[in-house]
C-alpha atoms as a PDB file:
ATOM      1  CA  UNK A   1     -37.026   9.915   4.520  1.00  0.00           C
ATOM      2  CA  UNK A   2     -38.589   6.565   5.090  1.00  0.00           C
ATOM      3  CA  UNK A   3     -36.807   3.889   7.069  1.00  0.00           C
ATOM      4  CA  UNK A   4     -35.105   0.851   5.567  1.00  0.00           C
ATOM      5  CA  UNK A   5     -36.854  -1.984   7.433  1.00  0.00           C
ATOM      6  CA  UNK A   6     -40.477  -1.052   6.585  1.00  0.00           C
ATOM      7  CA  UNK A   7     -39.537  -0.627   2.918  1.00  0.00           C
ATOM      8  CA  UNK A   8     -37.710  -3.957   2.969  1.00  0.00           C
ATOM      9  CA  UNK A   9     -40.758  -5.620   4.558  1.00  0.00           C
ATOM     10  CA  UNK A  10     -43.032  -4.178   1.870  1.00  0.00           C
ATOM     11  CA  UNK A  11     -40.766  -5.344  -0.922  1.00  0.00           C
ATOM     12  CA  UNK A  12     -40.680  -8.866   0.546  1.00  0.00           C
ATOM     13  CA  UNK A  13     -44.459  -8.890   1.058  1.00  0.00           C
ATOM     14  CA  UNK A  14     -45.020  -7.792  -2.554  1.00  0.00           C
ATOM     15  CA  UNK A  15     -42.532 -10.299  -3.994  1.00  0.00           C
ATOM     16  CA  UNK A  16     -39.923  -7.856  -5.275  1.00  0.00           C
ATOM     17  CA  UNK A  17     -36.807  -9.248  -6.900  1.00  0.00           C
ATOM     18  CA  UNK A  18     -34.542  -6.664  -5.213  1.00  0.00           C
ATOM     19  CA  UNK A  19     -33.945  -5.466  -1.650  1.00  0.00           C
ATOM     20  CA  UNK A  20     -34.664  -2.002  -0.263  1.00  0.00           C
ATOM     21  CA  UNK A  21     -31.156  -0.623  -0.817  1.00  0.00           C
ATOM     22  CA  UNK A  22     -31.001  -1.766  -4.434  1.00  0.00           C
ATOM     23  CA  UNK A  23     -34.561  -0.541  -5.022  1.00  0.00           C
ATOM     24  CA  UNK A  24     -33.659   2.929  -3.753  1.00  0.00           C
ATOM     25  CA  UNK A  25     -30.519   3.066  -5.876  1.00  0.00           C
ATOM     26  CA  UNK A  26     -32.611   1.981  -8.871  1.00  0.00           C
ATOM     27  CA  UNK A  27     -35.120   4.735  -8.087  1.00  0.00           C
ATOM     28  CA  UNK A  28     -32.361   7.355  -8.068  1.00  0.00           C
ATOM     29  CA  UNK A  29     -31.001   6.125 -11.392  1.00  0.00           C
ATOM     30  CA  UNK A  30     -34.435   6.118 -13.013  1.00  0.00           C
ATOM     31  CA  UNK A  31     -35.306   9.514 -11.574  1.00  0.00           C
ATOM     32  CA  UNK A  32     -32.217  10.949 -13.265  1.00  0.00           C
ATOM     33  CA  UNK A  33     -34.027  10.103 -16.486  1.00  0.00           C
ATOM     34  CA  UNK A  34     -37.338  11.440 -15.180  1.00  0.00           C
ATOM     35  CA  UNK A  35     -38.875   7.985 -15.252  1.00  0.00           C
ATOM     36  CA  UNK A  36     -42.111   7.411 -13.365  1.00  0.00           C
ATOM     37  CA  UNK A  37     -43.104   5.160 -10.498  1.00  0.00           C
ATOM     38  CA  UNK A  38     -44.518   2.468 -12.798  1.00  0.00           C
ATOM     39  CA  UNK A  39     -41.181   2.102 -14.606  1.00  0.00           C
ATOM     40  CA  UNK A  40     -39.522   1.591 -11.208  1.00  0.00           C
ATOM     41  CA  UNK A  41     -42.042  -1.125 -10.346  1.00  0.00           C
ATOM     42  CA  UNK A  42     -41.476  -2.883 -13.688  1.00  0.00           C
ATOM     43  CA  UNK A  43     -37.760  -3.120 -12.955  1.00  0.00           C
ATOM     44  CA  UNK A  44     -38.165  -4.195  -9.331  1.00  0.00           C
ATOM     45  CA  UNK A  45     -40.841  -6.866  -9.670  1.00  0.00           C
ATOM     46  CA  UNK A  46     -41.343  -9.876 -11.893  1.00  0.00           C
ATOM     47  CA  UNK A  47     -45.079  -9.166 -11.576  1.00  0.00           C
ATOM     48  CA  UNK A  48     -46.324  -5.717 -10.651  1.00  0.00           C
ATOM     49  CA  UNK A  49     -48.555  -5.947  -7.568  1.00  0.00           C
ATOM     50  CA  UNK A  50     -52.253  -5.273  -8.094  1.00  0.00           C
ATOM     51  CA  UNK A  51     -53.374  -1.941  -6.618  1.00  0.00           C
ATOM     52  CA  UNK A  52     -56.847  -3.439  -6.103  1.00  0.00           C
ATOM     53  CA  UNK A  53     -55.382  -5.929  -3.613  1.00  0.00           C
ATOM     54  CA  UNK A  54     -55.949  -4.350  -0.205  1.00  0.00           C
ATOM     55  CA  UNK A  55     -52.926  -6.176   1.244  1.00  0.00           C
ATOM     56  CA  UNK A  56     -50.698  -4.694  -1.458  1.00  0.00           C
ATOM     57  CA  UNK A  57     -52.177  -1.195  -1.447  1.00  0.00           C
ATOM     58  CA  UNK A  58     -50.534  -0.016   1.792  1.00  0.00           C
ATOM     59  CA  UNK A  59     -47.124  -1.198   0.627  1.00  0.00           C
ATOM     60  CA  UNK A  60     -47.582   0.323  -2.815  1.00  0.00           C
ATOM     61  CA  UNK A  61     -48.558   3.615  -1.192  1.00  0.00           C
ATOM     62  CA  UNK A  62     -45.420   3.461   0.987  1.00  0.00           C
ATOM     63  CA  UNK A  63     -43.265   2.737  -2.075  1.00  0.00           C
ATOM     64  CA  UNK A  64     -44.916   5.562  -4.022  1.00  0.00           C
ATOM     65  CA  UNK A  65     -44.161   7.982  -1.154  1.00  0.00           C
ATOM     66  CA  UNK A  66     -40.543   6.789  -1.104  1.00  0.00           C
ATOM     67  CA  UNK A  67     -40.245   7.369  -4.851  1.00  0.00           C
ATOM     68  CA  UNK A  68     -41.669  10.877  -4.611  1.00  0.00           C
ATOM     69  CA  UNK A  69     -39.584  11.755  -1.533  1.00  0.00           C
ATOM     70  CA  UNK A  70     -36.520  10.567  -3.433  1.00  0.00           C
ATOM     71  CA  UNK A  71     -37.457  12.741  -6.437  1.00  0.00           C
ATOM     72  CA  UNK A  72     -37.712  15.783  -4.173  1.00  0.00           C
ATOM     73  CA  UNK A  73     -34.450  15.021  -2.331  1.00  0.00           C
ATOM     74  CA  UNK A  74     -32.538  14.311  -5.524  1.00  0.00           C
ATOM     75  CA  UNK A  75     -33.460  17.709  -6.923  1.00  0.00           C
ATOM     76  CA  UNK A  76     -33.312  19.740  -3.713  1.00  0.00           C
ATOM     77  CA  UNK A  77     -31.058  22.766  -3.726  1.00  0.00           C
ATOM     78  CA  UNK A  78     -29.775  21.873  -0.252  1.00  0.00           C
ATOM     79  CA  UNK A  79     -28.359  18.482  -1.370  1.00  0.00           C
ATOM     80  CA  UNK A  80     -30.785  16.695   0.970  1.00  0.00           C
ATOM     81  CA  UNK A  81     -30.513  13.264  -0.661  1.00  0.00           C
ATOM     82  CA  UNK A  82     -30.366  10.430   1.874  1.00  0.00           C
ATOM     83  CA  UNK A  83     -29.479   6.893   0.822  1.00  0.00           C
ATOM     84  CA  UNK A  84     -31.897   4.213   2.016  1.00  0.00           C
ATOM     85  CA  UNK A  85     -29.572   1.886   3.909  1.00  0.00           C
ATOM     86  CA  UNK A  86     -29.844  -0.275   7.039  1.00  0.00           C
ATOM     87  CA  UNK A  87     -29.448   1.453  10.409  1.00  0.00           C
ATOM     88  CA  UNK A  88     -26.135   1.605  12.269  1.00  0.00           C
ATOM     89  CA  UNK A  89     -27.256  -1.126  14.666  1.00  0.00           C
ATOM     90  CA  UNK A  90     -27.358  -3.590  11.764  1.00  0.00           C
ATOM     91  CA  UNK A  91     -24.386  -5.922  11.233  1.00  0.00           C
ATOM     92  CA  UNK A  92     -21.454  -4.161   9.514  1.00  0.00           C
ATOM     93  CA  UNK A  93     -21.223  -6.760   6.742  1.00  0.00           C
ATOM     94  CA  UNK A  94     -24.951  -6.374   6.000  1.00  0.00           C
ATOM     95  CA  UNK A  95     -24.599  -2.589   5.787  1.00  0.00           C
ATOM     96  CA  UNK A  96     -21.595  -2.917   3.504  1.00  0.00           C
ATOM     97  CA  UNK A  97     -23.483  -5.295   1.212  1.00  0.00           C
ATOM     98  CA  UNK A  98     -26.491  -2.961   1.217  1.00  0.00           C
ATOM     99  CA  UNK A  99     -24.262  -0.091   0.054  1.00  0.00           C
ATOM    100  CA  UNK A 100     -22.911  -2.298  -2.746  1.00  0.00           C
ATOM    101  CA  UNK A 101     -26.497  -3.267  -3.660  1.00  0.00           C
ATOM    102  CA  UNK A 102     -27.528   0.394  -3.588  1.00  0.00           C
ATOM    103  CA  UNK A 103     -24.799   1.220  -6.123  1.00  0.00           C
ATOM    104  CA  UNK A 104     -25.769  -1.761  -8.294  1.00  0.00           C
ATOM    105  CA  UNK A 105     -29.353  -0.501  -8.354  1.00  0.00           C
ATOM    106  CA  UNK A 106     -28.250   2.998  -9.286  1.00  0.00           C
ATOM    107  CA  UNK A 107     -26.005   1.738 -12.083  1.00  0.00           C
ATOM    108  CA  UNK A 108     -28.803  -0.464 -13.400  1.00  0.00           C
ATOM    109  CA  UNK A 109     -31.211   2.487 -13.335  1.00  0.00           C
ATOM    110  CA  UNK A 110     -28.721   4.655 -15.198  1.00  0.00           C
ATOM    111  CA  UNK A 111     -28.243   1.837 -17.704  1.00  0.00           C
ATOM    112  CA  UNK A 112     -31.988   1.818 -18.378  1.00  0.00           C
ATOM    113  CA  UNK A 113     -31.681   5.469 -19.428  1.00  0.00           C
ATOM    114  CA  UNK A 114     -29.448   4.434 -22.303  1.00  0.00           C
ATOM    115  CA  UNK A 115     -25.820   4.717 -23.161  1.00  0.00           C
ATOM    116  CA  UNK A 116     -26.278   7.916 -25.189  1.00  0.00           C
ATOM    117  CA  UNK A 117     -26.974  10.010 -22.097  1.00  0.00           C
ATOM    118  CA  UNK A 118     -24.061   8.514 -20.184  1.00  0.00           C
ATOM    119  CA  UNK A 119     -21.582   9.022 -23.020  1.00  0.00           C
ATOM    120  CA  UNK A 120     -22.020  12.783 -22.622  1.00  0.00           C
ATOM    121  CA  UNK A 121     -20.733  12.738 -19.039  1.00  0.00           C
ATOM    122  CA  UNK A 122     -17.741  14.906 -18.222  1.00  0.00           C
ATOM    123  CA  UNK A 123     -14.512  13.384 -16.969  1.00  0.00           C
ATOM    124  CA  UNK A 124     -15.698  14.011 -13.391  1.00  0.00           C
ATOM    125  CA  UNK A 125     -19.000  12.292 -14.182  1.00  0.00           C
ATOM    126  CA  UNK A 126     -17.185   9.270 -15.588  1.00  0.00           C
ATOM    127  CA  UNK A 127     -15.008   9.172 -12.454  1.00  0.00           C
ATOM    128  CA  UNK A 128     -18.165   9.125 -10.343  1.00  0.00           C
ATOM    129  CA  UNK A 129     -19.517   6.263 -12.431  1.00  0.00           C
ATOM    130  CA  UNK A 130     -16.252   4.338 -12.016  1.00  0.00           C
ATOM    131  CA  UNK A 131     -16.262   4.937  -8.259  1.00  0.00           C
ATOM    132  CA  UNK A 132     -19.858   3.716  -8.012  1.00  0.00           C
ATOM    133  CA  UNK A 133     -18.959   0.633 -10.042  1.00  0.00           C
ATOM    134  CA  UNK A 134     -16.071  -0.157  -7.688  1.00  0.00           C
ATOM    135  CA  UNK A 135     -18.251   0.347  -4.611  1.00  0.00           C
ATOM    136  CA  UNK A 136     -20.875  -1.957  -6.137  1.00  0.00           C
ATOM    137  CA  UNK A 137     -18.253  -4.734  -6.012  1.00  0.00           C
ATOM    138  CA  UNK A 138     -17.701  -4.524  -2.244  1.00  0.00           C
ATOM    139  CA  UNK A 139     -17.979  -7.814  -0.408  1.00  0.00           C
ATOM    140  CA  UNK A 140     -19.181  -8.714   3.057  1.00  0.00           C
ATOM    141  CA  UNK A 141     -15.838 -10.053   4.271  1.00  0.00           C
ATOM    142  CA  UNK A 142     -14.756  -6.791   5.925  1.00  0.00           C
ATOM    143  CA  UNK A 143     -14.601  -6.882   9.704  1.00  0.00           C
ATOM    144  CA  UNK A 144     -16.318  -4.251  11.795  1.00  0.00           C
ATOM    145  CA  UNK A 145     -13.819  -1.857  13.379  1.00  0.00           C
ATOM    146  CA  UNK A 146     -13.723   1.819  14.229  1.00  0.00           C
ATOM    147  CA  UNK A 147     -11.542   2.413  11.174  1.00  0.00           C
ATOM    148  CA  UNK A 148     -13.870   0.467   8.854  1.00  0.00           C
ATOM    149  CA  UNK A 149     -16.921   2.239  10.313  1.00  0.00           C
ATOM    150  CA  UNK A 150     -15.262   5.546   9.476  1.00  0.00           C
ATOM    151  CA  UNK A 151     -14.440   4.377   5.970  1.00  0.00           C
ATOM    152  CA  UNK A 152     -18.004   3.144   5.511  1.00  0.00           C
ATOM    153  CA  UNK A 153     -19.367   6.550   6.531  1.00  0.00           C
ATOM    154  CA  UNK A 154     -17.011   8.222   4.050  1.00  0.00           C
ATOM    155  CA  UNK A 155     -18.104   5.824   1.294  1.00  0.00           C
ATOM    156  CA  UNK A 156     -21.785   6.530   1.930  1.00  0.00           C
ATOM    157  CA  UNK A 157     -21.124  10.267   1.721  1.00  0.00           C
ATOM    158  CA  UNK A 158     -19.036   9.828  -1.432  1.00  0.00           C
ATOM    159  CA  UNK A 159     -21.837   7.822  -3.079  1.00  0.00           C
ATOM    160  CA  UNK A 160     -24.373  10.465  -2.066  1.00  0.00           C
ATOM    161  CA  UNK A 161     -22.270  13.284  -3.526  1.00  0.00           C
ATOM    162  CA  UNK A 162     -21.577  11.323  -6.719  1.00  0.00           C
ATOM    163  CA  UNK A 163     -25.319  10.794  -7.209  1.00  0.00           C
ATOM    164  CA  UNK A 164     -26.045  14.487  -6.690  1.00  0.00           C
ATOM    165  CA  UNK A 165     -23.254  15.401  -9.110  1.00  0.00           C
ATOM    166  CA  UNK A 166     -24.442  12.939 -11.753  1.00  0.00           C
ATOM    167  CA  UNK A 167     -28.012  14.185 -11.444  1.00  0.00           C
ATOM    168  CA  UNK A 168     -26.887  17.771 -11.925  1.00  0.00           C
ATOM    169  CA  UNK A 169     -24.824  16.786 -14.929  1.00  0.00           C
ATOM    170  CA  UNK A 170     -27.577  14.705 -16.537  1.00  0.00           C
ATOM    171  CA  UNK A 171     -30.304  17.216 -15.665  1.00  0.00           C
ATOM    172  CA  UNK A 172     -28.714  20.663 -15.701  1.00  0.00           C
ATOM    173  CA  UNK A 173     -30.841  23.446 -14.339  1.00  0.00           C
ATOM    174  CA  UNK A 174     -31.210  26.168 -16.924  1.00  0.00           C
ATOM    175  CA  UNK A 175     -30.051  29.513 -15.557  1.00  0.00           C
ATOM    176  CA  UNK A 176     -32.690  32.197 -15.258  1.00  0.00           C
ATOM    177  CA  UNK A 177     -31.967  34.861 -17.857  1.00  0.00           C
ATOM    178  CA  UNK A 178     -31.231  38.300 -16.437  1.00  0.00           C
ATOM    179  CA  UNK A 179     -34.035  40.824 -16.627  1.00  0.00           C
ATOM    180  CA  UNK A 180     -33.802  43.142 -19.594  1.00  0.00           C
ATOM    181  CA  UNK A 181     -33.525  46.833 -18.783  1.00  0.00           C
ATOM    182  CA  UNK A 182     -36.918  48.502 -18.823  1.00  0.00           C
ATOM    183  CA  UNK A 183     -38.904  45.280 -18.287  1.00  0.00           C
ATOM    184  CA  UNK A 184     -40.799  44.298 -15.181  1.00  0.00           C
ATOM    185  CA  UNK A 185     -41.697  40.878 -13.863  1.00  0.00           C
END
């Protein structure tokens, strides 16, 4: 998975209207609807950067790799999804706000998919959505402490598992039918 700071630097350089955490959450939400990279760019930028601009090309390539890596992780059988968040050495309040931004991006991306898809969520899926909404409202006024660090780690893992659950619910994998007697594959 790519690191937060280089993605953040690319988004700033390209004039994005969201930060790296929110952009990654948005990507996850859009990927749950099988939306492409260009749709992600349209929702993250007021003006989509020009691929012909050599200064923009490297950043666009980095963002494209992030989007594709996220697609792979989101659908991996080993639940490999990693949230793009600031490193542990970053200020606690900044990390907390980034997690809230990440959830806001995800919820926005899911909203782009349309209410019809979300209305079909199970009770557990709706609980995940409610949890993500509550986490998106976190504020930066929490003090860093061992207890809060532990809670933050638990929240990140809860968000990650909610996203995996929602993706599975919105994009169920069709079971492979059993082989019929007398047939070969």
